[in-house]
Amino acid sequence: MPESNESENPTLESDTQAPKPTLNAFLQALEGGTLFQIRDMLEEMSGPDIADILESMPRKERYIVWAMVDADSQGEILPFLNDTVRGNLIRRMDLQDITQAAIGMDTDDVVDILQDLPSESVPRILQSMSEQDRSELESALAYPSHTAGGLMNTDAITVRPEITVGTANRYLRWRASVPLATEHLVVVDRDNHYLGVVGLADLLTQPVAHTIESIMRTDLEPILADTDEKEVAHRFEREHLVTAPVIDVNGTLVGRITVDDIIDVIRIEAEHEFLSMAGLGEQLDTFSPILYSAKRRAIWLGTNLVTAFIAAAVIGLFEATIAHYVALAVLMPIVASMGGIGGSQTLTLVIRAMALGQLSDANVRWLLRKELAVAALNGSLWAVVVGATAYFWFHNLQLSLILATALVLNMLMGALSGLYLPVLMRRVGIDPALAGSVVLTTVTDVVGFFGFLGLASLLLMT
């Protein structure tokens, strides 16, 4: 008789991980008042998972759960929260808990936390830290948050060029660990001026008697601390960097930037561009207060209402024509809509090119010719379709030709506006992602209605 195979996989049951607690599990526990269950779930979860749960909760429940997170664990969660949620939670913490949470966090993450606090609270927190931590934070706080200096960590490992590979290896073994995302050591002189980098792989493979100077790389250009974070992100993308040294204007090493910081920059920028299209550029908290959300959206809705009245005023100029030819009222939204969609496609393309640094005075005219050609081709194609449809609908050839002509003209205007509006807005300091679509819609509505109804007045009313 064959033996039972129950013991053939003795680790199967222990290796099977329990499913992660879900948002529904948290909300049900809150509703049922079983707070001990929430504590158990929090102990089973990692910092990023808890951050996701907190961001998905209404504010009241979020604050209850946050209060149940152990003070020693809060520092593992805060870096993974978006700016709005993190700021709201930090402002509800006392200074002692904030100081405790900052222990062990990367310098750039602590800087983010301090920037969310009232200015009078920052010195008190700095004074409670060790002299070394305080010095590093004060150095990072000297730079604006959206620059390389604001992004950097101060944990770069440095070596001198005259020491040997063997000495450097002994130094690393003495340290026993290296910061995350460390792929090279930074080579500096006695005054801490940047000279180059030496890869960890080279330290493992080169003869121990070789000097660092003989194997270091000097082709990795450091990043100036006042460089804008978007330019830093572009450089990481272009050069496939994992980490890069940061220097001040004197060439002195002040820190390093790692790819995880750049991922945050890219994510935040993408969120901004996406939300700005609907006028929600700063509303990163899905469960923000009702009055705050209503105020933010009211401003955007009011702006759109003004543009709608402008378009309505244009229509009012041709009231007599519309009254005589009711078909015009049926067809005119087609012209405005097609121009708006075509213009939005160009607008989106241009905003993306500007964000990536791909658009300049040298190529803007080429792009204009290309977008006008695309608009002309698509406009002609759909003008034939729309014109034929209008003819079979209303049996009026002249009306069909007017509709087709107005559609082509508005498609061309949409392409022209979609290209130059974001360029002009950027020059006067307006965010094109936030205001571009509103202005573009106004232009294509006004031009579409005026062109279609104006042609109709000239050709049908004579």
Protein backbone atom coordinates (compact mmCIF):
# COMPACT_ATOMS: atom_id res chain seq x y z
CA MET A 1 0.00 0.00 0.00
CA PRO A 2 1.57 3.38 -1.00
CA GLU A 3 2.60 5.68 1.77
CA SER A 4 0.72 8.86 2.34
CA ASN A 5 2.30 11.87 0.62
CA GLU A 6 1.14 14.37 3.22
CA SER A 7 4.73 14.93 4.31
CA GLU A 8 6.22 15.21 0.82
CA ASN A 9 5.76 19.00 0.84
CA PRO A 10 6.04 19.90 4.51
CA THR A 11 6.68 23.59 3.78
CA LEU A 12 3.77 24.10 1.41
CA GLU A 13 1.37 25.39 4.02
CA SER A 14 3.93 27.63 5.72
CA ASP A 15 5.12 29.09 2.40
CA THR A 16 1.63 30.11 1.38
CA GLN A 17 1.22 33.76 2.24
CA ALA A 18 -2.03 35.03 3.67
CA PRO A 19 -3.84 37.46 1.36
CA LYS A 20 -3.20 41.14 2.01
CA PRO A 21 -5.92 42.98 3.92
CA THR A 22 -8.15 44.93 1.54
CA LEU A 23 -9.78 48.34 1.76
CA ASN A 24 -13.15 46.63 2.30
CA ALA A 25 -11.70 44.73 5.26
CA PHE A 26 -10.54 47.98 6.86
CA LEU A 27 -13.85 49.78 6.26
CA GLN A 28 -15.84 46.83 7.61
CA ALA A 29 -13.66 46.70 10.72
CA LEU A 30 -14.13 50.45 11.24
CA GLU A 31 -17.88 50.15 10.80
CA GLY A 32 -18.03 47.23 13.22
CA GLY A 33 -15.80 48.96 15.77
CA THR A 34 -13.32 46.06 15.88
CA LEU A 35 -10.23 48.23 16.25
CA PHE A 36 -8.07 45.32 17.43
CA GLN A 37 -8.63 43.74 14.02
CA ILE A 38 -7.31 46.89 12.35
CA ARG A 39 -4.16 46.75 14.47
CA ASP A 40 -3.60 43.14 13.46
CA MET A 41 -4.02 44.01 9.77
CA LEU A 42 -1.61 46.93 10.03
CA GLU A 43 1.06 44.72 11.58
CA GLU A 44 0.80 42.33 8.61
CA MET A 45 1.24 45.06 5.95
CA SER A 46 4.24 46.88 4.49
CA GLY A 47 4.59 50.66 4.43
CA PRO A 48 3.64 51.07 0.73
CA ASP A 49 0.55 48.85 1.16
CA ILE A 50 -0.64 50.88 4.17
CA ALA A 51 -0.07 54.09 2.19
CA ASP A 52 -2.30 52.79 -0.62
CA ILE A 53 -5.04 51.94 1.89
CA LEU A 54 -4.84 55.36 3.54
CA GLU A 55 -5.06 57.22 0.23
CA SER A 56 -8.16 55.18 -0.68
CA MET A 57 -10.05 56.07 2.51
CA PRO A 58 -12.39 58.97 3.31
CA ARG A 59 -10.67 61.49 5.57
CA LYS A 60 -12.44 60.60 8.82
CA GLU A 61 -11.61 56.90 8.53
CA ARG A 62 -8.09 57.73 7.35
CA TYR A 63 -7.35 59.68 10.50
CA ILE A 64 -8.67 56.87 12.70
CA VAL A 65 -6.45 54.28 11.01
CA TRP A 66 -3.42 56.59 11.05
CA ALA A 67 -3.79 57.10 14.79
CA MET A 68 -3.55 53.31 15.21
CA VAL A 69 -0.27 53.02 13.29
CA ASP A 70 2.65 52.48 15.62
CA ALA A 71 4.83 55.62 15.92
CA ASP A 72 7.94 53.62 14.99
CA SER A 73 6.26 52.50 11.74
CA GLN A 74 4.96 55.85 10.55
CA GLY A 75 8.31 56.72 9.00
CA GLU A 76 7.98 53.66 6.73
CA ILE A 77 4.61 54.92 5.41
CA LEU A 78 4.96 58.70 5.01
CA PRO A 79 7.39 58.62 2.02
CA PHE A 80 4.86 56.61 -0.03
CA LEU A 81 1.92 59.00 0.46
CA ASN A 82 1.18 61.75 -2.04
CA ASP A 83 1.98 65.29 -0.96
CA THR A 84 -1.58 66.29 -0.06
CA VAL A 85 -2.40 63.25 2.09
CA ARG A 86 1.03 63.27 3.76
CA GLY A 87 0.73 66.96 4.59
CA ASN A 88 -2.70 66.51 6.18
CA LEU A 89 -1.49 63.62 8.34
CA ILE A 90 1.72 65.34 9.42
CA ARG A 91 -0.15 68.43 10.56
CA ARG A 92 -2.11 66.22 12.97
CA MET A 93 1.05 64.72 14.53
CA ASP A 94 2.95 66.20 17.45
CA LEU A 95 6.61 67.16 17.03
CA GLN A 96 7.87 64.20 19.04
CA ASP A 97 6.11 61.72 16.75
CA ILE A 98 7.39 63.55 13.66
CA THR A 99 10.93 63.39 14.98
CA GLN A 100 10.54 59.68 15.72
CA ALA A 101 9.16 59.03 12.23
CA ALA A 102 12.12 60.84 10.64
CA ILE A 103 14.65 58.47 12.19
CA GLY A 104 16.02 56.20 9.50
CA MET A 105 14.29 58.02 6.62
CA ASP A 106 16.22 59.25 3.60
CA THR A 107 17.22 62.89 3.73
CA ASP A 108 15.02 63.90 0.80
CA ASP A 109 11.98 62.27 2.44
CA VAL A 110 12.63 64.11 5.71
CA VAL A 111 12.93 67.36 3.75
CA ASP A 112 9.50 66.71 2.22
CA ILE A 113 8.05 66.22 5.70
CA LEU A 114 9.63 69.40 7.08
CA GLN A 115 8.33 71.41 4.13
CA ASP A 116 4.78 70.34 5.04
CA LEU A 117 5.12 71.84 8.53
CA PRO A 118 4.69 75.44 9.74
CA SER A 119 8.03 77.23 9.52
CA GLU A 120 8.17 77.78 13.28
CA SER A 121 8.11 74.01 13.92
CA VAL A 122 11.13 73.17 11.76
CA PRO A 123 13.87 74.52 14.09
CA ARG A 124 12.44 72.60 17.04
CA ILE A 125 12.58 69.32 15.10
CA LEU A 126 16.10 70.03 13.83
CA GLN A 127 17.32 70.75 17.36
CA SER A 128 16.06 67.37 18.54
CA MET A 129 18.21 65.53 15.97
CA SER A 130 21.86 64.55 16.13
CA GLU A 131 24.41 67.08 14.92
CA GLN A 132 25.21 65.04 11.81
CA ASP A 133 21.56 64.55 10.81
CA ARG A 134 20.82 68.21 11.49
CA SER A 135 23.75 69.33 9.34
CA GLU A 136 22.66 67.12 6.43
CA LEU A 137 19.06 68.33 6.61
CA GLU A 138 20.04 72.00 6.81
CA SER A 139 22.18 71.48 3.70
CA ALA A 140 19.25 69.93 1.80
CA LEU A 141 16.74 72.53 3.04
CA ALA A 142 18.89 75.28 1.54
CA TYR A 143 17.67 74.30 -1.93
CA PRO A 144 14.16 74.72 -3.39
CA SER A 145 12.06 71.55 -3.27
CA HIS A 146 11.76 71.21 -7.07
CA THR A 147 15.50 71.22 -7.76
CA ALA A 148 18.22 68.59 -7.69
CA GLY A 149 19.22 69.85 -4.24
CA GLY A 150 15.70 69.29 -2.98
CA LEU A 151 15.65 65.76 -4.39
CA MET A 152 19.07 64.58 -3.26
CA ASN A 153 20.17 62.35 -0.42
CA THR A 154 23.37 63.09 1.46
CA ASP A 155 24.38 59.43 1.83
CA ALA A 156 26.90 59.23 -1.02
CA ILE A 157 29.95 57.10 -0.15
CA THR A 158 33.16 58.90 -1.08
CA VAL A 159 36.77 57.75 -1.60
CA ARG A 160 40.02 59.51 -2.43
CA PRO A 161 41.76 58.91 -5.79
CA GLU A 162 45.12 57.97 -4.27
CA ILE A 163 43.93 54.97 -2.21
CA THR A 164 44.10 51.44 -3.59
CA VAL A 165 41.27 49.11 -4.59
CA GLY A 166 42.15 46.88 -1.66
CA THR A 167 41.83 49.77 0.80
CA ALA A 168 38.46 50.73 -0.66
CA ASN A 169 37.22 47.15 -0.34
CA ARG A 170 38.32 46.99 3.30
CA TYR A 171 36.50 50.26 3.92
CA LEU A 172 33.28 48.84 2.45
CA ARG A 173 33.58 45.69 4.56
CA TRP A 174 34.08 47.88 7.64
CA ARG A 175 30.88 49.76 6.80
CA ALA A 176 29.06 46.39 6.49
CA SER A 177 26.34 47.92 4.26
CA VAL A 178 25.81 50.53 1.55
CA PRO A 179 22.81 52.79 0.87
CA LEU A 180 20.15 51.52 -1.50
CA ALA A 181 20.69 52.09 -5.25
CA THR A 182 24.46 52.44 -4.78
CA GLU A 183 26.19 51.35 -7.99
CA HIS A 184 29.37 53.37 -7.58
CA LEU A 185 31.44 55.31 -5.06
CA VAL A 186 32.09 59.00 -5.63
CA VAL A 187 35.71 60.05 -5.96
CA VAL A 188 36.57 63.41 -4.33
CA ASP A 189 39.71 65.32 -3.42
CA ARG A 190 40.66 66.48 0.07
CA ASP A 191 38.37 69.50 -0.26
CA ASN A 192 35.43 67.25 -1.26
CA HIS A 193 35.45 68.45 -4.87
CA TYR A 194 33.95 65.97 -7.34
CA LEU A 195 36.46 64.11 -9.51
CA GLY A 196 34.61 61.07 -10.83
CA VAL A 197 33.08 57.73 -9.85
CA VAL A 198 34.27 54.16 -9.43
CA GLY A 199 31.84 51.29 -9.91
CA LEU A 200 31.30 48.61 -7.31
CA ALA A 201 31.83 46.01 -10.02
CA ASP A 202 35.27 47.49 -10.76
CA LEU A 203 36.21 47.30 -7.08
CA LEU A 204 35.40 43.59 -7.13
CA THR A 205 37.22 42.75 -10.37
CA GLN A 206 40.29 45.02 -10.53
CA PRO A 207 43.63 44.11 -8.88
CA VAL A 208 43.77 45.26 -5.28
CA ALA A 209 47.05 47.12 -5.86
CA HIS A 210 45.54 49.47 -8.45
CA THR A 211 44.69 52.98 -7.31
CA ILE A 212 41.18 54.36 -7.50
CA GLU A 213 42.44 57.08 -9.84
CA SER A 214 43.55 54.47 -12.37
CA ILE A 215 40.13 52.80 -12.66
CA MET A 216 37.66 55.63 -11.96
CA ARG A 217 35.30 57.10 -14.54
CA THR A 218 35.45 60.82 -15.28
CA ASP A 219 32.77 60.91 -17.99
CA LEU A 220 29.79 60.99 -15.61
CA GLU A 221 28.91 64.67 -15.38
CA PRO A 222 27.58 65.68 -11.95
CA ILE A 223 24.28 67.53 -11.58
CA LEU A 224 24.23 71.08 -10.28
CA ALA A 225 22.14 71.38 -7.13
CA ASP A 226 19.97 74.17 -8.57
CA THR A 227 19.00 72.18 -11.70
CA ASP A 228 15.24 71.88 -12.16
CA GLU A 229 13.86 68.44 -11.27
CA LYS A 230 12.32 67.99 -14.74
CA GLU A 231 15.71 68.41 -16.38
CA VAL A 232 17.15 65.93 -13.88
CA ALA A 233 14.43 63.43 -14.84
CA HIS A 234 15.19 63.91 -18.55
CA ARG A 235 18.86 63.26 -17.95
CA PHE A 236 18.17 60.06 -16.01
CA GLU A 237 16.00 58.93 -18.92
CA ARG A 238 18.53 59.85 -21.62
CA GLU A 239 21.55 58.32 -19.91
CA HIS A 240 19.78 55.39 -18.19
CA LEU A 241 21.12 56.45 -14.81
CA VAL A 242 20.47 54.68 -11.53
CA THR A 243 22.16 57.31 -9.41
CA ALA A 244 24.03 60.56 -10.05
CA PRO A 245 26.23 62.84 -7.90
CA VAL A 246 25.06 66.38 -7.06
CA ILE A 247 27.46 69.32 -6.69
CA ASP A 248 27.16 72.98 -5.74
CA VAL A 249 28.38 75.91 -7.83
CA ASN A 250 31.93 75.43 -6.47
CA GLY A 251 32.10 71.80 -7.60
CA THR A 252 31.79 70.47 -4.05
CA LEU A 253 29.90 67.19 -3.66
CA VAL A 254 26.69 67.76 -1.68
CA GLY A 255 24.78 64.52 -2.27
CA ARG A 256 23.35 62.14 -4.85
CA ILE A 257 20.04 61.51 -6.59
CA THR A 258 18.67 57.98 -7.03
CA VAL A 259 16.25 56.64 -9.58
CA ASP A 260 13.45 56.13 -7.03
CA ASP A 261 13.39 59.90 -6.50
CA ILE A 262 13.10 60.41 -10.26
CA ILE A 263 10.20 57.96 -10.49
CA ASP A 264 8.37 60.14 -7.97
CA VAL A 265 9.05 63.23 -10.10
CA ILE A 266 7.71 61.52 -13.23
CA ARG A 267 4.62 60.24 -11.41
CA ILE A 268 3.80 63.63 -9.89
CA GLU A 269 4.29 65.40 -13.21
CA ALA A 270 2.06 62.88 -14.98
CA GLU A 271 -0.64 63.34 -12.33
CA HIS A 272 -0.38 67.10 -12.69
CA GLU A 273 -0.74 67.01 -16.48
CA PHE A 274 -3.69 64.61 -16.28
CA LEU A 275 -5.58 66.49 -13.56
CA SER A 276 -4.82 69.91 -15.04
CA MET A 277 -6.80 69.04 -18.15
CA ALA A 278 -9.91 69.10 -15.93
CA GLY A 279 -8.80 72.00 -13.74
CA LEU A 280 -7.83 69.75 -10.82
CA GLY A 281 -4.07 70.31 -10.90
CA GLU A 282 -3.69 70.53 -7.11
CA GLN A 283 -6.39 68.10 -5.98
CA LEU A 284 -4.26 65.01 -5.34
CA ASP A 285 -6.49 63.74 -2.55
CA THR A 286 -9.53 61.95 -3.96
CA PHE A 287 -11.31 62.35 -0.62
CA SER A 288 -10.52 66.03 -0.03
CA PRO A 289 -13.20 68.10 1.80
CA ILE A 290 -16.40 68.94 -0.06
CA LEU A 291 -16.04 72.72 0.21
CA TYR A 292 -12.41 72.61 -0.95
CA SER A 293 -13.28 70.47 -3.97
CA ALA A 294 -16.32 72.57 -4.79
CA LYS A 295 -14.26 75.78 -4.68
CA ARG A 296 -11.55 74.36 -6.94
CA ARG A 297 -14.08 73.13 -9.49
CA ALA A 298 -16.26 76.25 -9.29
CA ILE A 299 -13.39 78.38 -10.56
CA TRP A 300 -12.92 76.06 -13.51
CA LEU A 301 -16.64 75.85 -14.24
CA GLY A 302 -16.93 79.63 -14.07
CA THR A 303 -14.12 80.02 -16.58
CA ASN A 304 -15.85 77.62 -18.94
CA LEU A 305 -19.14 79.48 -18.48
CA VAL A 306 -17.52 82.72 -19.63
CA THR A 307 -16.22 81.02 -22.77
CA ALA A 308 -19.64 79.48 -23.38
CA PHE A 309 -21.24 82.93 -23.29
CA ILE A 310 -18.67 84.14 -25.83
CA ALA A 311 -19.64 81.30 -28.19
CA ALA A 312 -23.33 81.98 -27.55
CA ALA A 313 -22.82 85.66 -28.39
CA VAL A 314 -21.36 84.66 -31.77
CA ILE A 315 -24.39 82.49 -32.46
CA GLY A 316 -26.64 85.41 -31.49
CA LEU A 317 -25.13 87.51 -34.26
CA PHE A 318 -26.73 85.18 -36.78
CA GLU A 319 -30.12 84.75 -35.14
CA ALA A 320 -32.00 85.80 -38.28
CA THR A 321 -30.08 83.36 -40.46
CA ILE A 322 -30.70 80.47 -38.06
CA ALA A 323 -34.41 81.35 -37.87
CA HIS A 324 -34.64 81.21 -41.66
CA TYR A 325 -32.63 78.00 -42.00
CA VAL A 326 -33.32 75.77 -39.00
CA ALA A 327 -30.94 73.15 -40.41
CA LEU A 328 -28.03 75.43 -39.45
CA ALA A 329 -28.82 74.93 -35.75
CA VAL A 330 -28.73 71.19 -36.27
CA LEU A 331 -25.40 71.16 -38.14
CA MET A 332 -23.30 73.89 -36.50
CA PRO A 333 -22.23 71.80 -33.46
CA ILE A 334 -20.48 69.43 -35.88
CA VAL A 335 -18.11 72.13 -37.08
CA ALA A 336 -17.20 73.28 -33.57
CA SER A 337 -16.80 69.74 -32.25
CA MET A 338 -14.52 68.54 -35.06
CA GLY A 339 -12.30 71.61 -34.76
CA GLY A 340 -12.13 71.19 -30.99
CA ILE A 341 -11.15 67.53 -31.16
CA GLY A 342 -8.53 68.12 -33.83
CA GLY A 343 -7.10 71.04 -31.90
CA SER A 344 -7.02 69.03 -28.67
CA GLN A 345 -4.96 66.34 -30.38
CA THR A 346 -2.38 68.93 -31.44
CA LEU A 347 -2.51 70.63 -28.02
CA THR A 348 -1.82 67.35 -26.21
CA LEU A 349 1.05 66.52 -28.54
CA VAL A 350 2.64 69.95 -28.04
CA ILE A 351 2.29 69.92 -24.24
CA ARG A 352 3.95 66.51 -24.15
CA ALA A 353 6.78 67.73 -26.38
CA MET A 354 7.28 70.76 -24.16
CA ALA A 355 7.36 68.59 -21.02
CA LEU A 356 10.04 66.39 -22.61
CA GLY A 357 12.07 69.36 -23.83
CA GLN A 358 11.55 68.36 -27.47
CA LEU A 359 10.02 71.64 -28.71
CA SER A 360 12.08 74.74 -29.46
CA ASP A 361 12.19 77.70 -31.85
CA ALA A 362 14.26 75.55 -34.20
CA ASN A 363 11.54 72.98 -34.90
CA VAL A 364 8.24 74.72 -34.09
CA ARG A 365 7.69 75.82 -37.70
CA TRP A 366 8.32 72.29 -38.97
CA LEU A 367 5.77 70.98 -36.49
CA LEU A 368 3.30 73.68 -37.58
CA ARG A 369 3.58 72.60 -41.24
CA LYS A 370 3.12 68.98 -40.22
CA GLU A 371 0.04 69.67 -38.05
CA LEU A 372 -1.56 71.91 -40.69
CA ALA A 373 -1.02 69.18 -43.30
CA VAL A 374 -2.58 66.57 -41.01
CA ALA A 375 -5.52 68.90 -40.31
CA ALA A 376 -6.00 69.58 -44.02
CA LEU A 377 -6.01 65.87 -44.89
CA ASN A 378 -8.35 64.85 -42.07
CA GLY A 379 -10.50 67.94 -42.59
CA SER A 380 -10.92 67.18 -46.28
CA LEU A 381 -11.74 63.53 -45.61
CA TRP A 382 -14.40 64.23 -43.00
CA ALA A 383 -15.70 67.26 -44.90
CA VAL A 384 -16.66 64.90 -47.72
CA VAL A 385 -18.36 62.54 -45.27
CA VAL A 386 -20.18 65.29 -43.39
CA GLY A 387 -21.12 67.18 -46.54
CA ALA A 388 -22.56 64.06 -48.19
CA THR A 389 -24.50 63.20 -45.04
CA ALA A 390 -25.93 66.74 -44.85
CA TYR A 391 -26.96 66.61 -48.51
CA PHE A 392 -28.87 63.33 -48.13
CA TRP A 393 -30.41 64.70 -44.93
CA PHE A 394 -31.53 68.15 -46.10
CA HIS A 395 -31.22 67.86 -49.90
CA ASN A 396 -29.43 71.20 -50.15
CA LEU A 397 -26.14 71.12 -52.06
CA GLN A 398 -25.19 74.69 -51.17
CA LEU A 399 -25.69 74.02 -47.46
CA SER A 400 -23.54 70.87 -47.72
CA LEU A 401 -20.68 72.76 -49.38
CA ILE A 402 -20.85 75.50 -46.73
CA LEU A 403 -20.69 72.89 -43.98
CA ALA A 404 -17.72 71.11 -45.58
CA THR A 405 -15.80 74.36 -46.11
CA ALA A 406 -16.38 75.56 -42.54
CA LEU A 407 -15.27 72.19 -41.16
CA VAL A 408 -11.95 72.29 -43.05
CA LEU A 409 -11.30 75.90 -41.97
CA ASN A 410 -12.00 75.10 -38.31
CA MET A 411 -9.80 71.99 -38.39
CA LEU A 412 -6.95 74.18 -39.66
CA MET A 413 -7.65 76.75 -36.94
CA GLY A 414 -7.70 73.98 -34.34
CA ALA A 415 -4.25 72.80 -35.42
CA LEU A 416 -2.88 76.36 -35.45
CA SER A 417 -4.30 77.15 -32.01
CA GLY A 418 -3.28 73.79 -30.56
CA LEU A 419 0.33 74.50 -31.49
CA TYR A 420 0.75 78.18 -30.63
CA LEU A 421 -1.50 78.51 -27.57
CA PRO A 422 0.71 76.41 -25.24
CA VAL A 423 3.85 78.12 -26.60
CA LEU A 424 2.44 81.59 -25.89
CA MET A 425 1.08 80.55 -22.49
CA ARG A 426 4.44 79.15 -21.42
CA ARG A 427 6.14 82.43 -22.39
CA VAL A 428 3.79 84.51 -20.21
CA GLY A 429 4.00 82.10 -17.27
CA ILE A 430 0.64 80.30 -17.64
CA ASP A 431 0.49 76.52 -17.30
CA PRO A 432 -0.74 75.31 -20.74
CA ALA A 433 -1.92 72.00 -19.27
CA LEU A 434 -4.27 73.90 -16.96
CA ALA A 435 -5.62 76.62 -19.27
CA GLY A 436 -4.87 75.40 -22.78
CA SER A 437 -7.97 73.28 -23.34
CA VAL A 438 -10.35 76.05 -22.20
CA VAL A 439 -8.87 78.66 -24.50
CA LEU A 440 -8.61 76.19 -27.38
CA THR A 441 -12.28 75.22 -27.05
CA THR A 442 -13.26 78.90 -27.07
CA VAL A 443 -11.25 79.56 -30.23
CA THR A 444 -12.61 76.57 -32.15
CA ASP A 445 -16.19 77.27 -31.01
CA VAL A 446 -16.03 80.94 -32.02
CA VAL A 447 -14.26 80.27 -35.33
CA GLY A 448 -16.47 77.27 -36.09
CA PHE A 449 -19.76 79.05 -35.40
CA PHE A 450 -18.67 82.31 -37.05
CA GLY A 451 -17.28 80.58 -40.11
CA PHE A 452 -20.26 78.29 -40.67
CA LEU A 453 -22.99 80.82 -39.90
CA GLY A 454 -21.10 83.64 -41.63
CA LEU A 455 -20.78 81.66 -44.85
CA ALA A 456 -24.43 80.67 -44.56
CA SER A 457 -25.47 84.32 -44.17
CA LEU A 458 -23.43 85.38 -47.20
CA LEU A 459 -24.46 82.58 -49.54
CA LEU A 460 -27.92 81.50 -48.41
CA MET A 461 -29.45 84.83 -47.48
CA THR A 462 -28.56 86.59 -50.74
